[in-house]
Every structure is written in structure tokens, then in C-alpha cells.
């Protein structure tokens, strides 16, 4: 699988919430959290279109 690097800006509170989920072991790193969220959004959009 080929990866592309992207940079995002987040409000501090969203970043902190994400780091808390990573620290609790729910995601292996912040990138995994972001990928998971994007996948969920794509699935929801597919239901609409």
C-alpha cells in the first residue's frame, strides 16, 4: 500500500482528545486515529450518495 503524507491543523482540544485515545491504547498512533475517522466518514457518505 502506498502512503501519502498530509498535514492537518486541528483545534487544540481535538488534538488532546486524540492523544488521550492513543495513550489509552485505542489507536496505535495519531495517524491510525485519523485514518479510522476518515474511513467512517467515507462509509457514511456512501450511504447518502
PDB file of N, CA and C in Angstrom:
ATOM      1  N   UNK A   1       0.844  -1.172   0.000  1.00  0.00           N
ATOM      2  CA  UNK A   1       0.000   0.000   0.000  1.00  0.00           C
ATOM      3  C   UNK A   1       0.892   1.238   0.000  1.00  0.00           C
ATOM      4  N   UNK A   2       0.586   2.149  -0.897  1.00  0.00           N
ATOM      5  CA  UNK A   2       1.350   3.390  -0.964  1.00  0.00           C
ATOM      6  C   UNK A   2       0.711   4.425  -0.038  1.00  0.00           C
ATOM      7  N   UNK A   3       1.537   5.178   0.642  1.00  0.00           N
ATOM      8  CA  UNK A   3       1.056   6.218   1.545  1.00  0.00           C
ATOM      9  C   UNK A   3       1.447   7.583   1.027  1.00  0.00           C
ATOM     10  N   UNK A   4       0.613   8.562   1.300  1.00  0.00           N
ATOM     11  CA  UNK A   4       0.895   9.971   1.020  1.00  0.00           C
ATOM     12  C   UNK A   4       0.884  10.704   2.348  1.00  0.00           C
ATOM     13  N   UNK A   5       1.817  11.581   2.539  1.00  0.00           N
ATOM     14  CA  UNK A   5       1.896  12.352   3.773  1.00  0.00           C
ATOM     15  C   UNK A   5       1.032  13.599   3.637  1.00  0.00           C
ATOM     16  N   UNK A   6       0.203  13.870   4.652  1.00  0.00           N
ATOM     17  CA  UNK A   6      -0.646  15.058   4.677  1.00  0.00           C
ATOM     18  C   UNK A   6      -0.467  15.770   6.005  1.00  0.00           C
ATOM     19  N   UNK A   7      -0.596  17.066   5.970  1.00  0.00           N
ATOM     20  CA  UNK A   7      -0.511  17.863   7.193  1.00  0.00           C
ATOM     21  C   UNK A   7      -1.875  18.463   7.450  1.00  0.00           C
ATOM     22  N   UNK A   8      -2.347  18.360   8.698  1.00  0.00           N
ATOM     23  CA  UNK A   8      -3.637  18.946   9.055  1.00  0.00           C
ATOM     24  C   UNK A   8      -3.456  19.858  10.260  1.00  0.00           C
ATOM     25  N   UNK A   9      -4.370  20.794  10.388  1.00  0.00           N
ATOM     26  CA  UNK A   9      -4.406  21.654  11.573  1.00  0.00           C
ATOM     27  C   UNK A   9      -5.679  21.332  12.330  1.00  0.00           C
ATOM     28  N   UNK A  10      -5.536  21.133  13.626  1.00  0.00           N
ATOM     29  CA  UNK A  10      -6.669  20.795  14.484  1.00  0.00           C
ATOM     30  C   UNK A  10      -6.749  21.766  15.638  1.00  0.00           C
ATOM     31  N   UNK A  11      -7.966  22.019  16.109  1.00  0.00           N
ATOM     32  CA  UNK A  11      -8.069  22.771  17.356  1.00  0.00           C
ATOM     33  C   UNK A  11      -7.383  21.970  18.474  1.00  0.00           C
ATOM     34  N   UNK A  12      -6.806  22.672  19.418  1.00  0.00           N
ATOM     35  CA  UNK A  12      -6.044  22.022  20.482  1.00  0.00           C
ATOM     36  C   UNK A  12      -6.863  20.964  21.218  1.00  0.00           C
ATOM     37  N   UNK A  13      -8.155  21.233  21.443  1.00  0.00           N
ATOM     38  CA  UNK A  13      -8.970  20.266  22.190  1.00  0.00           C
ATOM     39  C   UNK A  13      -9.154  18.958  21.411  1.00  0.00           C
ATOM     40  N   UNK A  14      -9.302  19.027  20.074  1.00  0.00           N
ATOM     41  CA  UNK A  14      -9.420  17.792  19.294  1.00  0.00           C
ATOM     42  C   UNK A  14      -8.110  17.014  19.304  1.00  0.00           C
ATOM     43  N   UNK A  15      -7.010  17.728  19.194  1.00  0.00           N
ATOM     44  CA  UNK A  15      -5.703  17.075  19.250  1.00  0.00           C
ATOM     45  C   UNK A  15      -5.530  16.368  20.596  1.00  0.00           C
ATOM     46  N   UNK A  16      -5.853  17.066  21.686  1.00  0.00           N
ATOM     47  CA  UNK A  16      -5.703  16.481  23.022  1.00  0.00           C
ATOM     48  C   UNK A  16      -6.597  15.263  23.208  1.00  0.00           C
ATOM     49  N   UNK A  17      -7.824  15.330  22.703  1.00  0.00           N
ATOM     50  CA  UNK A  17      -8.716  14.173  22.797  1.00  0.00           C
ATOM     51  C   UNK A  17      -8.146  12.983  22.022  1.00  0.00           C
ATOM     52  N   UNK A  18      -7.587  13.271  20.848  1.00  0.00           N
ATOM     53  CA  UNK A  18      -6.978  12.208  20.054  1.00  0.00           C
ATOM     54  C   UNK A  18      -5.788  11.582  20.748  1.00  0.00           C
ATOM     55  N   UNK A  19      -4.937  12.402  21.319  1.00  0.00           N
ATOM     56  CA  UNK A  19      -3.768  11.890  22.052  1.00  0.00           C
ATOM     57  C   UNK A  19      -4.213  11.037  23.235  1.00  0.00           C
ATOM     58  N   UNK A  20      -5.274  11.453  23.910  1.00  0.00           N
ATOM     59  CA  UNK A  20      -5.800  10.652  25.027  1.00  0.00           C
ATOM     60  C   UNK A  20      -6.233   9.266  24.551  1.00  0.00           C
ATOM     61  N   UNK A  21      -6.878   9.184  23.393  1.00  0.00           N
ATOM     62  CA  UNK A  21      -7.293   7.878  22.859  1.00  0.00           C
ATOM     63  C   UNK A  21      -6.084   7.018  22.509  1.00  0.00           C
ATOM     64  N   UNK A  22      -5.050   7.638  21.953  1.00  0.00           N
ATOM     65  CA  UNK A  22      -3.815   6.903  21.644  1.00  0.00           C
ATOM     66  C   UNK A  22      -3.172   6.422  22.941  1.00  0.00           C
ATOM     67  N   UNK A  23      -3.084   7.293  23.941  1.00  0.00           N
ATOM     68  CA  UNK A  23      -2.463   6.918  25.215  1.00  0.00           C
ATOM     69  C   UNK A  23      -3.222   5.812  25.930  1.00  0.00           C
ATOM     70  N   UNK A  24      -4.539   5.734  25.712  1.00  0.00           N
ATOM     71  CA  UNK A  24      -5.350   4.670  26.320  1.00  0.00           C
ATOM     72  C   UNK A  24      -5.230   3.359  25.552  1.00  0.00           C
ATOM     73  N   UNK A  25      -4.528   3.388  24.425  1.00  0.00           N
ATOM     74  CA  UNK A  25      -4.311   2.174  23.651  1.00  0.00           C
ATOM     75  C   UNK A  25      -5.399   1.871  22.637  1.00  0.00           C
ATOM     76  N   UNK A  26      -6.314   2.804  22.418  1.00  0.00           N
ATOM     77  CA  UNK A  26      -7.383   2.557  21.453  1.00  0.00           C
ATOM     78  C   UNK A  26      -6.890   2.656  20.016  1.00  0.00           C
ATOM     79  N   UNK A  27      -5.817   3.379  19.795  1.00  0.00           N
ATOM     80  CA  UNK A  27      -5.174   3.508  18.487  1.00  0.00           C
ATOM     81  C   UNK A  27      -3.676   3.408  18.710  1.00  0.00           C
ATOM     82  N   UNK A  28      -2.965   2.848  17.725  1.00  0.00           N
ATOM     83  CA  UNK A  28      -1.523   2.681  17.907  1.00  0.00           C
ATOM     84  C   UNK A  28      -0.777   4.006  17.780  1.00  0.00           C
ATOM     85  N   UNK A  29      -1.346   4.939  17.023  1.00  0.00           N
ATOM     86  CA  UNK A  29      -0.750   6.271  16.889  1.00  0.00           C
ATOM     87  C   UNK A  29      -1.807   7.232  16.353  1.00  0.00           C
ATOM     88  N   UNK A  30      -1.447   8.499  16.268  1.00  0.00           N
ATOM     89  CA  UNK A  30      -2.413   9.519  15.842  1.00  0.00           C
ATOM     90  C   UNK A  30      -2.845   9.315  14.390  1.00  0.00           C
ATOM     91  N   UNK A  31      -1.941   8.858  13.560  1.00  0.00           N
ATOM     92  CA  UNK A  31      -2.290   8.599  12.158  1.00  0.00           C
ATOM     93  C   UNK A  31      -3.366   7.527  12.046  1.00  0.00           C
ATOM     94  N   UNK A  32      -3.278   6.484  12.860  1.00  0.00           N
ATOM     95  CA  UNK A  32      -4.305   5.443  12.844  1.00  0.00           C
ATOM     96  C   UNK A  32      -5.668   6.003  13.236  1.00  0.00           C
ATOM     97  N   UNK A  33      -5.681   6.888  14.203  1.00  0.00           N
ATOM     98  CA  UNK A  33      -6.924   7.543  14.617  1.00  0.00           C
ATOM     99  C   UNK A  33      -7.528   8.338  13.461  1.00  0.00           C
ATOM    100  N   UNK A  34      -6.714   9.121  12.786  1.00  0.00           N
ATOM    101  CA  UNK A  34      -7.199   9.938  11.670  1.00  0.00           C
ATOM    102  C   UNK A  34      -7.700   9.050  10.541  1.00  0.00           C
ATOM    103  N   UNK A  35      -6.948   8.009  10.189  1.00  0.00           N
ATOM    104  CA  UNK A  35      -7.385   7.093   9.131  1.00  0.00           C
ATOM    105  C   UNK A  35      -8.718   6.449   9.477  1.00  0.00           C
ATOM    106  N   UNK A  36      -8.869   6.056  10.718  1.00  0.00           N
ATOM    107  CA  UNK A  36     -10.121   5.443  11.155  1.00  0.00           C
ATOM    108  C   UNK A  36     -11.290   6.409  10.994  1.00  0.00           C
ATOM    109  N   UNK A  37     -11.092   7.650  11.400  1.00  0.00           N
ATOM    110  CA  UNK A  37     -12.150   8.645  11.264  1.00  0.00           C
ATOM    111  C   UNK A  37     -12.519   8.908   9.817  1.00  0.00           C
ATOM    112  N   UNK A  38     -11.526   8.948   8.957  1.00  0.00           N
ATOM    113  CA  UNK A  38     -11.791   9.169   7.535  1.00  0.00           C
ATOM    114  C   UNK A  38     -12.566   7.989   6.953  1.00  0.00           C
ATOM    115  N   UNK A  39     -12.184   6.777   7.315  1.00  0.00           N
ATOM    116  CA  UNK A  39     -12.901   5.595   6.815  1.00  0.00           C
ATOM    117  C   UNK A  39     -14.369   5.629   7.234  1.00  0.00           C
ATOM    118  N   UNK A  40     -14.618   6.000   8.477  1.00  0.00           N
ATOM    119  CA  UNK A  40     -16.007   6.082   8.969  1.00  0.00           C
ATOM    120  C   UNK A  40     -16.785   7.115   8.165  1.00  0.00           C
ATOM    121  N   UNK A  41     -16.190   8.269   7.933  1.00  0.00           N
ATOM    122  CA  UNK A  41     -16.866   9.315   7.157  1.00  0.00           C
ATOM    123  C   UNK A  41     -17.155   8.841   5.738  1.00  0.00           C
ATOM    124  N   UNK A  42     -16.210   8.163   5.102  1.00  0.00           N
ATOM    125  CA  UNK A  42     -16.430   7.662   3.749  1.00  0.00           C
ATOM    126  C   UNK A  42     -17.587   6.671   3.706  1.00  0.00           C
ATOM    127  N   UNK A  43     -17.669   5.787   4.698  1.00  0.00           N
ATOM    128  CA  UNK A  43     -18.765   4.808   4.742  1.00  0.00           C
ATOM    129  C   UNK A  43     -20.107   5.525   4.898  1.00  0.00           C
ATOM    130  N   UNK A  44     -20.173   6.548   5.734  1.00  0.00           N
ATOM    131  CA  UNK A  44     -21.418   7.285   5.928  1.00  0.00           C
ATOM    132  C   UNK A  44     -21.815   8.025   4.660  1.00  0.00           C
ATOM    133  N   UNK A  45     -20.851   8.592   3.955  1.00  0.00           N
ATOM    134  CA  UNK A  45     -21.133   9.302   2.712  1.00  0.00           C
ATOM    135  C   UNK A  45     -21.652   8.329   1.651  1.00  0.00           C
ATOM    136  N   UNK A  46     -21.087   7.116   1.598  1.00  0.00           N
ATOM    137  CA  UNK A  46     -21.543   6.122   0.616  1.00  0.00           C
ATOM    138  C   UNK A  46     -23.011   5.791   0.818  1.00  0.00           C
ATOM    139  N   UNK A  47     -23.508   5.863   2.042  1.00  0.00           N
ATOM    140  CA  UNK A  47     -24.915   5.576   2.302  1.00  0.00           C
ATOM    141  C   UNK A  47     -25.816   6.671   1.738  1.00  0.00           C
ATOM    142  N   UNK A  48     -25.289   7.866   1.599  1.00  0.00           N
ATOM    143  CA  UNK A  48     -26.079   9.016   1.136  1.00  0.00           C
ATOM    144  C   UNK A  48     -26.072   9.120  -0.393  1.00  0.00           C
ATOM    145  N   UNK A  49     -24.915   8.819  -0.999  1.00  0.00           N
ATOM    146  CA  UNK A  49     -24.821   9.027  -2.453  1.00  0.00           C
ATOM    147  C   UNK A  49     -25.148   7.784  -3.237  1.00  0.00           C
TER     148      UNK A  49
END
